[in-house]
PDB file of all heavy atoms in Angstrom:
ATOM      1  N   LYS A   1     -60.640  68.895  87.546  1.00  0.00           N
ATOM      2  CA  LYS A   1     -60.015  67.612  87.526  1.00  0.00           C
ATOM      3  C   LYS A   1     -61.047  66.534  87.802  1.00  0.00           C
ATOM      4  O   LYS A   1     -60.899  65.424  87.446  1.00  0.00           O
ATOM      5  CB  LYS A   1     -59.126  67.611  88.825  1.00  0.00           C
ATOM      6  CG  LYS A   1     -57.839  68.369  88.608  1.00  0.00           C
ATOM      7  CD  LYS A   1     -56.923  68.267  89.929  1.00  0.00           C
ATOM      8  CE  LYS A   1     -55.939  69.261  89.999  1.00  0.00           C
ATOM      9  NZ  LYS A   1     -55.721  69.744  91.314  1.00  0.00           N
ATOM     10  N   GLU A   2     -62.192  66.895  88.427  1.00  0.00           N
ATOM     11  CA  GLU A   2     -63.169  65.903  88.744  1.00  0.00           C
ATOM     12  C   GLU A   2     -64.143  65.775  87.600  1.00  0.00           C
ATOM     13  O   GLU A   2     -64.950  66.708  87.298  1.00  0.00           O
ATOM     14  CB  GLU A   2     -63.978  66.335  90.014  1.00  0.00           C
ATOM     15  CG  GLU A   2     -64.966  65.393  90.454  1.00  0.00           C
ATOM     16  CD  GLU A   2     -65.837  65.953  91.603  1.00  0.00           C
ATOM     17  OE1 GLU A   2     -65.362  66.963  92.262  1.00  0.00           O
ATOM     18  OE2 GLU A   2     -66.916  65.489  91.785  1.00  0.00           O
ATOM     19  N   VAL A   3     -64.151  64.718  86.809  1.00  0.00           N
ATOM     20  CA  VAL A   3     -64.966  64.412  85.735  1.00  0.00           C
ATOM     21  C   VAL A   3     -65.991  63.436  86.186  1.00  0.00           C
ATOM     22  O   VAL A   3     -65.784  62.273  86.550  1.00  0.00           O
ATOM     23  CB  VAL A   3     -64.201  63.883  84.469  1.00  0.00           C
ATOM     24  CG1 VAL A   3     -65.209  63.640  83.378  1.00  0.00           C
ATOM     25  CG2 VAL A   3     -63.187  64.957  84.020  1.00  0.00           C
ATOM     26  N   ASN A   4     -67.357  63.905  86.150  1.00  0.00           N
ATOM     27  CA  ASN A   4     -68.394  62.966  86.581  1.00  0.00           C
ATOM     28  C   ASN A   4     -69.196  62.521  85.352  1.00  0.00           C
ATOM     29  O   ASN A   4     -69.942  63.378  84.808  1.00  0.00           O
ATOM     30  CB  ASN A   4     -69.229  63.718  87.579  1.00  0.00           C
ATOM     31  CG  ASN A   4     -70.349  62.792  88.128  1.00  0.00           C
ATOM     32  OD1 ASN A   4     -70.768  61.857  87.517  1.00  0.00           O
ATOM     33  ND2 ASN A   4     -70.859  63.089  89.288  1.00  0.00           N
ATOM     34  N   PHE A   5     -69.054  61.338  84.876  1.00  0.00           N
ATOM     35  CA  PHE A   5     -69.733  60.912  83.645  1.00  0.00           C
ATOM     36  C   PHE A   5     -71.230  61.009  83.792  1.00  0.00           C
ATOM     37  O   PHE A   5     -71.938  61.156  82.845  1.00  0.00           O
ATOM     38  CB  PHE A   5     -69.312  59.476  83.300  1.00  0.00           C
ATOM     39  CG  PHE A   5     -67.787  59.609  82.825  1.00  0.00           C
ATOM     40  CD1 PHE A   5     -66.849  59.047  83.560  1.00  0.00           C
ATOM     41  CD2 PHE A   5     -67.346  60.208  81.670  1.00  0.00           C
ATOM     42  CE1 PHE A   5     -65.553  59.063  83.278  1.00  0.00           C
ATOM     43  CE2 PHE A   5     -66.142  60.364  81.331  1.00  0.00           C
ATOM     44  CZ  PHE A   5     -65.113  59.747  82.138  1.00  0.00           C
ATOM     45  N   LEU A   6     -71.864  60.727  84.998  1.00  0.00           N
ATOM     46  CA  LEU A   6     -73.256  60.728  85.242  1.00  0.00           C
ATOM     47  C   LEU A   6     -73.810  62.135  85.076  1.00  0.00           C
ATOM     48  O   LEU A   6     -74.940  62.378  84.711  1.00  0.00           O
ATOM     49  CB  LEU A   6     -73.563  60.201  86.583  1.00  0.00           C
ATOM     50  CG  LEU A   6     -73.589  58.666  86.732  1.00  0.00           C
ATOM     51  CD1 LEU A   6     -73.629  58.214  88.092  1.00  0.00           C
ATOM     52  CD2 LEU A   6     -74.652  58.027  85.942  1.00  0.00           C
ATOM     53  N   ARG A   7     -72.977  63.074  85.224  1.00  0.00           N
ATOM     54  CA  ARG A   7     -73.302  64.426  85.125  1.00  0.00           C
ATOM     55  C   ARG A   7     -73.446  64.814  83.618  1.00  0.00           C
ATOM     56  O   ARG A   7     -74.319  65.452  83.090  1.00  0.00           O
ATOM     57  CB  ARG A   7     -72.277  65.377  85.782  1.00  0.00           C
ATOM     58  CG  ARG A   7     -72.362  66.783  85.496  1.00  0.00           C
ATOM     59  CD  ARG A   7     -71.303  67.614  86.200  1.00  0.00           C
ATOM     60  NE  ARG A   7     -70.168  67.634  85.275  1.00  0.00           N
ATOM     61  CZ  ARG A   7     -69.759  68.670  84.486  1.00  0.00           C
ATOM     62  NH1 ARG A   7     -70.560  69.818  84.592  1.00  0.00           N
ATOM     63  NH2 ARG A   7     -68.743  68.688  83.869  1.00  0.00           N
ATOM     64  N   ARG A   8     -72.478  64.270  82.949  1.00  0.00           N
ATOM     65  CA  ARG A   8     -72.357  64.690  81.436  1.00  0.00           C
ATOM     66  C   ARG A   8     -73.416  63.820  80.604  1.00  0.00           C
ATOM     67  O   ARG A   8     -73.933  64.175  79.603  1.00  0.00           O
ATOM     68  CB  ARG A   8     -71.004  64.337  80.988  1.00  0.00           C
ATOM     69  CG  ARG A   8     -70.623  65.110  79.715  1.00  0.00           C
ATOM     70  CD  ARG A   8     -69.319  64.662  79.165  1.00  0.00           C
ATOM     71  NE  ARG A   8     -69.121  63.265  79.078  1.00  0.00           N
ATOM     72  CZ  ARG A   8     -67.948  62.597  78.896  1.00  0.00           C
ATOM     73  NH1 ARG A   8     -66.909  63.254  78.855  1.00  0.00           N
ATOM     74  NH2 ARG A   8     -67.982  61.335  78.557  1.00  0.00           N
ATOM     75  N   ASP A   9     -73.529  62.539  81.056  1.00  0.00           N
ATOM     76  CA  ASP A   9     -74.242  61.546  80.180  1.00  0.00           C
ATOM     77  C   ASP A   9     -75.756  61.432  80.579  1.00  0.00           C
ATOM     78  O   ASP A   9     -76.533  60.946  79.785  1.00  0.00           O
ATOM     79  CB  ASP A   9     -73.606  60.162  80.176  1.00  0.00           C
ATOM     80  CG  ASP A   9     -72.164  60.260  79.614  1.00  0.00           C
ATOM     81  OD1 ASP A   9     -71.935  61.316  78.944  1.00  0.00           O
ATOM     82  OD2 ASP A   9     -71.366  59.371  79.939  1.00  0.00           O
ATOM     83  N   SER A  10     -76.170  61.630  81.820  1.00  0.00           N
ATOM     84  CA  SER A  10     -77.421  61.404  82.278  1.00  0.00           C
ATOM     85  C   SER A  10     -78.341  62.563  82.010  1.00  0.00           C
ATOM     86  O   SER A  10     -77.911  63.682  82.018  1.00  0.00           O
ATOM     87  CB  SER A  10     -77.529  61.076  83.719  1.00  0.00           C
ATOM     88  OG  SER A  10     -77.319  62.220  84.536  1.00  0.00           O
ATOM     89  N   GLU A  11     -79.595  62.357  81.791  1.00  0.00           N
ATOM     90  CA  GLU A  11     -80.682  63.367  81.593  1.00  0.00           C
ATOM     91  C   GLU A  11     -80.695  64.359  82.774  1.00  0.00           C
ATOM     92  O   GLU A  11     -80.704  65.483  82.572  1.00  0.00           O
ATOM     93  CB  GLU A  11     -82.035  62.741  81.398  1.00  0.00           C
ATOM     94  CG  GLU A  11     -83.063  63.669  80.928  1.00  0.00           C
ATOM     95  CD  GLU A  11     -84.497  63.061  80.955  1.00  0.00           C
ATOM     96  OE1 GLU A  11     -84.629  61.873  80.954  1.00  0.00           O
ATOM     97  OE2 GLU A  11     -85.449  63.936  81.180  1.00  0.00           O
ATOM     98  N   ALA A  12     -80.677  63.808  84.005  1.00  0.00           N
ATOM     99  CA  ALA A  12     -80.738  64.654  85.107  1.00  0.00           C
ATOM    100  C   ALA A  12     -79.459  65.524  85.211  1.00  0.00           C
ATOM    101  O   ALA A  12     -79.616  66.746  85.491  1.00  0.00           O
ATOM    102  CB  ALA A  12     -80.719  63.729  86.377  1.00  0.00           C
ATOM    103  N   GLY A  13     -78.381  64.996  84.962  1.00  0.00           N
ATOM    104  CA  GLY A  13     -77.025  65.693  84.969  1.00  0.00           C
ATOM    105  C   GLY A  13     -77.027  66.815  83.943  1.00  0.00           C
ATOM    106  O   GLY A  13     -76.669  67.924  84.233  1.00  0.00           O
ATOM    107  N   GLN A  14     -77.491  66.550  82.742  1.00  0.00           N
ATOM    108  CA  GLN A  14     -77.567  67.600  81.706  1.00  0.00           C
ATOM    109  C   GLN A  14     -78.532  68.713  82.166  1.00  0.00           C
ATOM    110  O   GLN A  14     -78.272  69.882  81.891  1.00  0.00           O
ATOM    111  CB  GLN A  14     -77.893  67.015  80.429  1.00  0.00           C
ATOM    112  CG  GLN A  14     -76.818  66.083  79.695  1.00  0.00           C
ATOM    113  CD  GLN A  14     -77.084  65.793  78.351  1.00  0.00           C
ATOM    114  OE1 GLN A  14     -78.013  66.188  77.734  1.00  0.00           O
ATOM    115  NE2 GLN A  14     -76.325  64.861  77.807  1.00  0.00           N
ATOM    116  N   LYS A  15     -79.662  68.316  82.697  1.00  0.00           N
ATOM    117  CA  LYS A  15     -80.680  69.356  83.029  1.00  0.00           C
ATOM    118  C   LYS A  15     -80.175  70.197  84.173  1.00  0.00           C
ATOM    119  O   LYS A  15     -80.501  71.338  84.344  1.00  0.00           O
ATOM    120  CB  LYS A  15     -81.967  68.668  83.320  1.00  0.00           C
ATOM    121  CG  LYS A  15     -82.703  68.212  82.103  1.00  0.00           C
ATOM    122  CD  LYS A  15     -83.992  67.493  82.400  1.00  0.00           C
ATOM    123  CE  LYS A  15     -84.706  67.059  81.084  1.00  0.00           C
ATOM    124  NZ  LYS A  15     -85.911  66.279  81.342  1.00  0.00           N
ATOM    125  N   CYS A  16     -79.359  69.600  85.066  1.00  0.00           N
ATOM    126  CA  CYS A  16     -78.647  70.330  86.171  1.00  0.00           C
ATOM    127  C   CYS A  16     -77.778  71.327  85.660  1.00  0.00           C
ATOM    128  O   CYS A  16     -77.729  72.492  86.049  1.00  0.00           O
ATOM    129  CB  CYS A  16     -77.973  69.400  87.248  1.00  0.00           C
ATOM    130  SG  CYS A  16     -79.160  68.449  88.294  1.00  0.00           S
ATOM    131  N   CYS A  17     -77.015  70.899  84.684  1.00  0.00           N
ATOM    132  CA  CYS A  17     -76.059  71.988  84.104  1.00  0.00           C
ATOM    133  C   CYS A  17     -76.763  72.995  83.317  1.00  0.00           C
ATOM    134  O   CYS A  17     -76.291  74.189  83.360  1.00  0.00           O
ATOM    135  CB  CYS A  17     -75.144  71.121  83.032  1.00  0.00           C
ATOM    136  SG  CYS A  17     -74.057  70.043  83.803  1.00  0.00           S
ATOM    137  N   THR A  18     -77.854  72.681  82.694  1.00  0.00           N
ATOM    138  CA  THR A  18     -78.712  73.713  82.039  1.00  0.00           C
ATOM    139  C   THR A  18     -79.402  74.676  83.146  1.00  0.00           C
ATOM    140  O   THR A  18     -79.286  75.825  82.915  1.00  0.00           O
ATOM    141  CB  THR A  18     -79.866  73.051  81.311  1.00  0.00           C
ATOM    142  OG1 THR A  18     -79.208  72.331  80.127  1.00  0.00           O
ATOM    143  CG2 THR A  18     -80.715  74.114  80.574  1.00  0.00           C
ATOM    144  N   PHE A  19     -79.779  74.136  84.285  1.00  0.00           N
ATOM    145  CA  PHE A  19     -80.239  74.841  85.418  1.00  0.00           C
ATOM    146  C   PHE A  19     -79.254  75.944  85.795  1.00  0.00           C
ATOM    147  O   PHE A  19     -79.540  77.122  85.940  1.00  0.00           O
ATOM    148  CB  PHE A  19     -80.690  74.000  86.567  1.00  0.00           C
ATOM    149  CG  PHE A  19     -81.099  74.713  87.802  1.00  0.00           C
ATOM    150  CD1 PHE A  19     -82.143  75.721  87.705  1.00  0.00           C
ATOM    151  CD2 PHE A  19     -80.556  74.326  89.045  1.00  0.00           C
ATOM    152  CE1 PHE A  19     -82.441  76.337  88.926  1.00  0.00           C
ATOM    153  CE2 PHE A  19     -80.876  75.022  90.179  1.00  0.00           C
ATOM    154  CZ  PHE A  19     -81.853  76.008  90.126  1.00  0.00           C
ATOM    155  N   GLN A  20     -77.911  75.360  85.959  1.00  0.00           N
ATOM    156  CA  GLN A  20     -76.939  76.328  86.380  1.00  0.00           C
ATOM    157  C   GLN A  20     -76.698  77.472  85.375  1.00  0.00           C
ATOM    158  O   GLN A  20     -76.671  78.700  85.727  1.00  0.00           O
ATOM    159  CB  GLN A  20     -75.627  75.484  86.478  1.00  0.00           C
ATOM    160  CG  GLN A  20     -75.530  74.723  87.672  1.00  0.00           C
ATOM    161  CD  GLN A  20     -74.208  74.081  87.817  1.00  0.00           C
ATOM    162  OE1 GLN A  20     -73.671  73.365  86.949  1.00  0.00           O
ATOM    163  NE2 GLN A  20     -73.465  74.402  88.881  1.00  0.00           N
ATOM    164  N   HIS A  21     -76.819  77.112  84.026  1.00  0.00           N
ATOM    165  CA  HIS A  21     -76.560  78.093  83.009  1.00  0.00           C
ATOM    166  C   HIS A  21     -77.685  79.126  82.993  1.00  0.00           C
ATOM    167  O   HIS A  21     -77.562  80.224  82.967  1.00  0.00           O
ATOM    168  CB  HIS A  21     -76.464  77.311  81.616  1.00  0.00           C
ATOM    169  CG  HIS A  21     -76.087  78.240  80.558  1.00  0.00           C
ATOM    170  ND1 HIS A  21     -75.831  77.764  79.289  1.00  0.00           N
ATOM    171  CD2 HIS A  21     -75.965  79.622  80.386  1.00  0.00           C
ATOM    172  CE1 HIS A  21     -75.546  78.762  78.455  1.00  0.00           C
ATOM    173  NE2 HIS A  21     -75.639  79.871  79.093  1.00  0.00           N
ATOM    174  N   TRP A  22     -78.923  78.598  83.281  1.00  0.00           N
ATOM    175  CA  TRP A  22     -80.158  79.447  83.279  1.00  0.00           C
ATOM    176  C   TRP A  22     -80.019  80.436  84.388  1.00  0.00           C
ATOM    177  O   TRP A  22     -80.376  81.627  84.306  1.00  0.00           O
ATOM    178  CB  TRP A  22     -81.361  78.462  83.396  1.00  0.00           C
ATOM    179  CG  TRP A  22     -82.674  79.169  83.320  1.00  0.00           C
ATOM    180  CD1 TRP A  22     -83.487  79.629  82.356  1.00  0.00           C
ATOM    181  CD2 TRP A  22     -83.402  79.689  84.583  1.00  0.00           C
ATOM    182  NE1 TRP A  22     -84.629  80.244  82.772  1.00  0.00           N
ATOM    183  CE2 TRP A  22     -84.513  80.270  84.074  1.00  0.00           C
ATOM    184  CE3 TRP A  22     -83.234  79.612  85.921  1.00  0.00           C
ATOM    185  CZ2 TRP A  22     -85.544  80.864  84.962  1.00  0.00           C
ATOM    186  CZ3 TRP A  22     -84.147  80.208  86.770  1.00  0.00           C
ATOM    187  CH2 TRP A  22     -85.357  80.724  86.339  1.00  0.00           C
ATOM    188  N   VAL A  23     -79.683  80.055  85.645  1.00  0.00           N
ATOM    189  CA  VAL A  23     -79.609  80.929  86.738  1.00  0.00           C
ATOM    190  C   VAL A  23     -78.470  81.941  86.475  1.00  0.00           C
ATOM    191  O   VAL A  23     -78.713  83.056  86.800  1.00  0.00           O
ATOM    192  CB  VAL A  23     -79.434  80.077  88.123  1.00  0.00           C
ATOM    193  CG1 VAL A  23     -79.027  81.053  89.206  1.00  0.00           C
ATOM    194  CG2 VAL A  23     -80.539  79.210  88.476  1.00  0.00           C
ATOM    195  N   TYR A  24     -77.362  81.428  85.965  1.00  0.00           N
ATOM    196  CA  TYR A  24     -76.196  82.349  85.619  1.00  0.00           C
ATOM    197  C   TYR A  24     -76.745  83.518  84.737  1.00  0.00           C
ATOM    198  O   TYR A  24     -76.374  84.625  84.899  1.00  0.00           O
ATOM    199  CB  TYR A  24     -75.288  81.504  85.029  1.00  0.00           C
ATOM    200  CG  TYR A  24     -73.980  82.343  84.589  1.00  0.00           C
ATOM    201  CD1 TYR A  24     -72.964  82.697  85.554  1.00  0.00           C
ATOM    202  CD2 TYR A  24     -73.798  82.783  83.250  1.00  0.00           C
ATOM    203  CE1 TYR A  24     -71.844  83.473  85.057  1.00  0.00           C
ATOM    204  CE2 TYR A  24     -72.769  83.587  82.866  1.00  0.00           C
ATOM    205  CZ  TYR A  24     -71.785  83.856  83.682  1.00  0.00           C
ATOM    206  OH  TYR A  24     -70.708  84.603  83.285  1.00  0.00           O
ATOM    207  N   GLU A  25     -77.534  83.094  83.657  1.00  0.00           N
ATOM    208  CA  GLU A  25     -77.995  84.157  82.736  1.00  0.00           C
ATOM    209  C   GLU A  25     -78.996  85.037  83.337  1.00  0.00           C
ATOM    210  O   GLU A  25     -79.037  86.246  83.107  1.00  0.00           O
ATOM    211  CB  GLU A  25     -78.520  83.485  81.334  1.00  0.00           C
ATOM    212  CG  GLU A  25     -78.684  84.302  80.221  1.00  0.00           C
ATOM    213  CD  GLU A  25     -78.925  83.646  78.957  1.00  0.00           C
ATOM    214  OE1 GLU A  25     -78.085  83.004  78.432  1.00  0.00           O
ATOM    215  OE2 GLU A  25     -80.148  83.770  78.509  1.00  0.00           O
ATOM    216  N   LYS A  26     -79.977  84.372  84.043  1.00  0.00           N
ATOM    217  CA  LYS A  26     -81.111  85.153  84.714  1.00  0.00           C
ATOM    218  C   LYS A  26     -80.472  86.224  85.690  1.00  0.00           C
ATOM    219  O   LYS A  26     -81.064  87.389  85.807  1.00  0.00           O
ATOM    220  CB  LYS A  26     -81.993  84.267  85.517  1.00  0.00           C
ATOM    221  CG  LYS A  26     -83.107  83.628  84.746  1.00  0.00           C
ATOM    222  CD  LYS A  26     -84.296  84.471  84.695  1.00  0.00           C
ATOM    223  CE  LYS A  26     -85.367  83.990  83.872  1.00  0.00           C
ATOM    224  NZ  LYS A  26     -85.433  84.501  82.525  1.00  0.00           N
ATOM    225  N   THR A  27     -79.272  85.894  86.372  1.00  0.00           N
ATOM    226  CA  THR A  27     -78.915  86.890  87.343  1.00  0.00           C
ATOM    227  C   THR A  27     -77.736  87.702  86.668  1.00  0.00           C
ATOM    228  O   THR A  27     -76.933  88.182  87.531  1.00  0.00           O
ATOM    229  CB  THR A  27     -78.375  86.188  88.622  1.00  0.00           C
ATOM    230  OG1 THR A  27     -77.296  85.125  88.165  1.00  0.00           O
ATOM    231  CG2 THR A  27     -79.474  85.324  89.267  1.00  0.00           C
ATOM    232  N   ASN A  28     -77.573  87.696  85.463  1.00  0.00           N
ATOM    233  CA  ASN A  28     -76.452  88.346  84.714  1.00  0.00           C
ATOM    234  C   ASN A  28     -75.013  88.044  85.338  1.00  0.00           C
ATOM    235  O   ASN A  28     -74.259  88.814  85.437  1.00  0.00           O
ATOM    236  CB  ASN A  28     -76.602  89.878  84.885  1.00  0.00           C
ATOM    237  CG  ASN A  28     -77.921  90.359  84.209  1.00  0.00           C
ATOM    238  OD1 ASN A  28     -78.159  89.979  83.135  1.00  0.00           O
ATOM    239  ND2 ASN A  28     -78.735  91.162  84.872  1.00  0.00           N
ATOM    240  N   GLY A  29     -74.865  86.611  85.566  1.00  0.00           N
ATOM    241  CA  GLY A  29     -73.594  86.171  86.015  1.00  0.00           C
ATOM    242  C   GLY A  29     -73.211  86.512  87.392  1.00  0.00           C
ATOM    243  O   GLY A  29     -72.090  86.330  87.840  1.00  0.00           O
ATOM    244  N   ASN A  30     -74.153  86.911  88.288  1.00  0.00           N
ATOM    245  CA  ASN A  30     -73.961  87.354  89.630  1.00  0.00           C
ATOM    246  C   ASN A  30     -74.203  86.158  90.618  1.00  0.00           C
ATOM    247  O   ASN A  30     -73.740  86.252  91.741  1.00  0.00           O
ATOM    248  CB  ASN A  30     -74.881  88.496  90.070  1.00  0.00           C
ATOM    249  CG  ASN A  30     -74.390  89.801  89.461  1.00  0.00           C
ATOM    250  OD1 ASN A  30     -73.424  90.416  89.814  1.00  0.00           O
ATOM    251  ND2 ASN A  30     -75.171  90.298  88.459  1.00  0.00           N
ATOM    252  N   LEU A  31     -74.877  85.154  90.187  1.00  0.00           N
ATOM    253  CA  LEU A  31     -75.203  84.015  91.063  1.00  0.00           C
ATOM    254  C   LEU A  31     -75.218  82.783  90.398  1.00  0.00           C
ATOM    255  O   LEU A  31     -75.580  82.713  89.179  1.00  0.00           O
ATOM    256  CB  LEU A  31     -76.681  84.283  91.635  1.00  0.00           C
ATOM    257  CG  LEU A  31     -77.175  83.416  92.708  1.00  0.00           C
ATOM    258  CD1 LEU A  31     -77.950  84.182  93.742  1.00  0.00           C
ATOM    259  CD2 LEU A  31     -77.938  82.239  92.214  1.00  0.00           C
ATOM    260  N   LEU A  32     -74.720  81.741  91.039  1.00  0.00           N
ATOM    261  CA  LEU A  32     -74.692  80.384  90.505  1.00  0.00           C
ATOM    262  C   LEU A  32     -74.973  79.349  91.540  1.00  0.00           C
ATOM    263  O   LEU A  32     -74.607  79.307  92.690  1.00  0.00           O
ATOM    264  CB  LEU A  32     -73.219  80.016  90.020  1.00  0.00           C
ATOM    265  CG  LEU A  32     -73.019  78.702  89.330  1.00  0.00           C
ATOM    266  CD1 LEU A  32     -73.629  78.603  88.015  1.00  0.00           C
ATOM    267  CD2 LEU A  32     -71.523  78.280  89.324  1.00  0.00           C
ATOM    268  N   VAL A  33     -75.969  78.414  91.178  1.00  0.00           N
ATOM    269  CA  VAL A  33     -76.365  77.361  92.088  1.00  0.00           C
ATOM    270  C   VAL A  33     -75.379  76.200  91.779  1.00  0.00           C
ATOM    271  O   VAL A  33     -75.145  75.850  90.646  1.00  0.00           O
ATOM    272  CB  VAL A  33     -77.845  76.823  91.890  1.00  0.00           C
ATOM    273  CG1 VAL A  33     -78.083  75.738  92.815  1.00  0.00           C
ATOM    274  CG2 VAL A  33     -78.770  77.966  92.093  1.00  0.00           C
ATOM    275  N   THR A  34     -74.641  75.874  92.931  1.00  0.00           N
ATOM    276  CA  THR A  34     -73.480  74.798  92.592  1.00  0.00           C
ATOM    277  C   THR A  34     -73.868  73.604  93.561  1.00  0.00           C
ATOM    278  O   THR A  34     -74.829  73.597  94.256  1.00  0.00           O
ATOM    279  CB  THR A  34     -72.199  75.470  92.798  1.00  0.00           C
ATOM    280  OG1 THR A  34     -71.231  74.484  92.587  1.00  0.00           O
ATOM    281  CG2 THR A  34     -71.991  75.996  94.272  1.00  0.00           C
ATOM    282  N   ASP A  35     -72.847  72.659  93.518  1.00  0.00           N
ATOM    283  CA  ASP A  35     -72.977  71.454  94.349  1.00  0.00           C
ATOM    284  C   ASP A  35     -74.283  70.751  94.120  1.00  0.00           C
ATOM    285  O   ASP A  35     -74.989  70.381  95.102  1.00  0.00           O
ATOM    286  CB  ASP A  35     -72.855  71.887  95.884  1.00  0.00           C
ATOM    287  CG  ASP A  35     -71.358  71.807  96.334  1.00  0.00           C
ATOM    288  OD1 ASP A  35     -70.540  71.606  95.384  1.00  0.00           O
ATOM    289  OD2 ASP A  35     -71.002  71.916  97.507  1.00  0.00           O
ATOM    290  N   LEU A  36     -74.779  70.723  92.923  1.00  0.00           N
ATOM    291  CA  LEU A  36     -76.032  70.028  92.580  1.00  0.00           C
ATOM    292  C   LEU A  36     -75.837  68.505  92.752  1.00  0.00           C
ATOM    293  O   LEU A  36     -75.038  67.904  92.172  1.00  0.00           O
ATOM    294  CB  LEU A  36     -76.523  70.299  91.260  1.00  0.00           C
ATOM    295  CG  LEU A  36     -76.884  71.885  91.050  1.00  0.00           C
ATOM    296  CD1 LEU A  36     -77.123  72.067  89.546  1.00  0.00           C
ATOM    297  CD2 LEU A  36     -78.084  72.242  91.708  1.00  0.00           C
ATOM    298  N   GLN A  37     -76.679  67.969  93.717  1.00  0.00           N
ATOM    299  CA  GLN A  37     -76.456  66.579  93.917  1.00  0.00           C
ATOM    300  C   GLN A  37     -77.745  65.937  94.496  1.00  0.00           C
ATOM    301  O   GLN A  37     -78.518  66.707  95.075  1.00  0.00           O
ATOM    302  CB  GLN A  37     -75.326  66.345  95.022  1.00  0.00           C
ATOM    303  CG  GLN A  37     -75.582  67.107  96.288  1.00  0.00           C
ATOM    304  CD  GLN A  37     -74.283  67.276  97.128  1.00  0.00           C
ATOM    305  OE1 GLN A  37     -73.482  66.327  97.222  1.00  0.00           O
ATOM    306  NE2 GLN A  37     -73.977  68.400  97.695  1.00  0.00           N
ATOM    307  N   GLY A  38     -78.019  64.680  94.352  1.00  0.00           N
ATOM    308  CA  GLY A  38     -79.220  64.088  94.727  1.00  0.00           C
ATOM    309  C   GLY A  38     -79.401  62.803  94.101  1.00  0.00           C
ATOM    310  O   GLY A  38     -78.503  62.132  93.635  1.00  0.00           O
ATOM    311  N   VAL A  39     -80.700  62.278  94.102  1.00  0.00           N
ATOM    312  CA  VAL A  39     -81.155  60.916  93.634  1.00  0.00           C
ATOM    313  C   VAL A  39     -82.051  61.343  92.438  1.00  0.00           C
ATOM    314  O   VAL A  39     -83.098  61.874  92.614  1.00  0.00           O
ATOM    315  CB  VAL A  39     -81.738  60.124  94.655  1.00  0.00           C
ATOM    316  CG1 VAL A  39     -82.313  58.891  94.088  1.00  0.00           C
ATOM    317  CG2 VAL A  39     -80.864  59.765  95.893  1.00  0.00           C
ATOM    318  N   GLY A  40     -81.575  61.027  91.290  1.00  0.00           N
ATOM    319  CA  GLY A  40     -82.453  61.215  90.022  1.00  0.00           C
ATOM    320  C   GLY A  40     -82.646  62.673  89.862  1.00  0.00           C
ATOM    321  O   GLY A  40     -81.668  63.425  89.948  1.00  0.00           O
ATOM    322  N   MET A  41     -83.988  63.159  89.859  1.00  0.00           N
ATOM    323  CA  MET A  41     -84.215  64.574  89.634  1.00  0.00           C
ATOM    324  C   MET A  41     -84.415  65.302  90.926  1.00  0.00           C
ATOM    325  O   MET A  41     -84.817  66.460  91.012  1.00  0.00           O
ATOM    326  CB  MET A  41     -85.527  64.782  88.850  1.00  0.00           C
ATOM    327  CG  MET A  41     -85.360  64.186  87.338  1.00  0.00           C
ATOM    328  SD  MET A  41     -84.596  65.412  86.269  1.00  0.00           S
ATOM    329  CE  MET A  41     -84.625  64.439  84.731  1.00  0.00           C
ATOM    330  N   LYS A  42     -84.336  64.582  92.103  1.00  0.00           N
ATOM    331  CA  LYS A  42     -84.514  65.253  93.322  1.00  0.00           C
ATOM    332  C   LYS A  42     -83.147  65.554  93.912  1.00  0.00           C
ATOM    333  O   LYS A  42     -82.296  64.723  94.214  1.00  0.00           O
ATOM    334  CB  LYS A  42     -85.339  64.284  94.366  1.00  0.00           C
ATOM    335  CG  LYS A  42     -86.764  64.224  93.943  1.00  0.00           C
ATOM    336  CD  LYS A  42     -87.598  63.690  95.055  1.00  0.00           C
ATOM    337  CE  LYS A  42     -88.959  63.934  94.852  1.00  0.00           C
ATOM    338  NZ  LYS A  42     -89.842  63.635  95.952  1.00  0.00           N
ATOM    339  N   LEU A  43     -82.974  66.964  94.234  1.00  0.00           N
ATOM    340  CA  LEU A  43     -81.676  67.452  94.673  1.00  0.00           C
ATOM    341  C   LEU A  43     -81.679  67.996  96.107  1.00  0.00           C
ATOM    342  O   LEU A  43     -82.727  68.459  96.423  1.00  0.00           O
ATOM    343  CB  LEU A  43     -81.262  68.491  93.650  1.00  0.00           C
ATOM    344  CG  LEU A  43     -81.362  68.318  92.211  1.00  0.00           C
ATOM    345  CD1 LEU A  43     -80.976  69.561  91.427  1.00  0.00           C
ATOM    346  CD2 LEU A  43     -80.380  67.169  91.776  1.00  0.00           C
TER     347      LEU A  43
END
């Protein structure tokens, strides 16, 4: 329900989504880093 445009449209937001995907794949779907939040690229 919560759509965050800064997540979808910003470079930091897209790279955070990729980070989540990367961790998910690295851990074979066993672990996910979530609640990614912060200022710019610092979380």
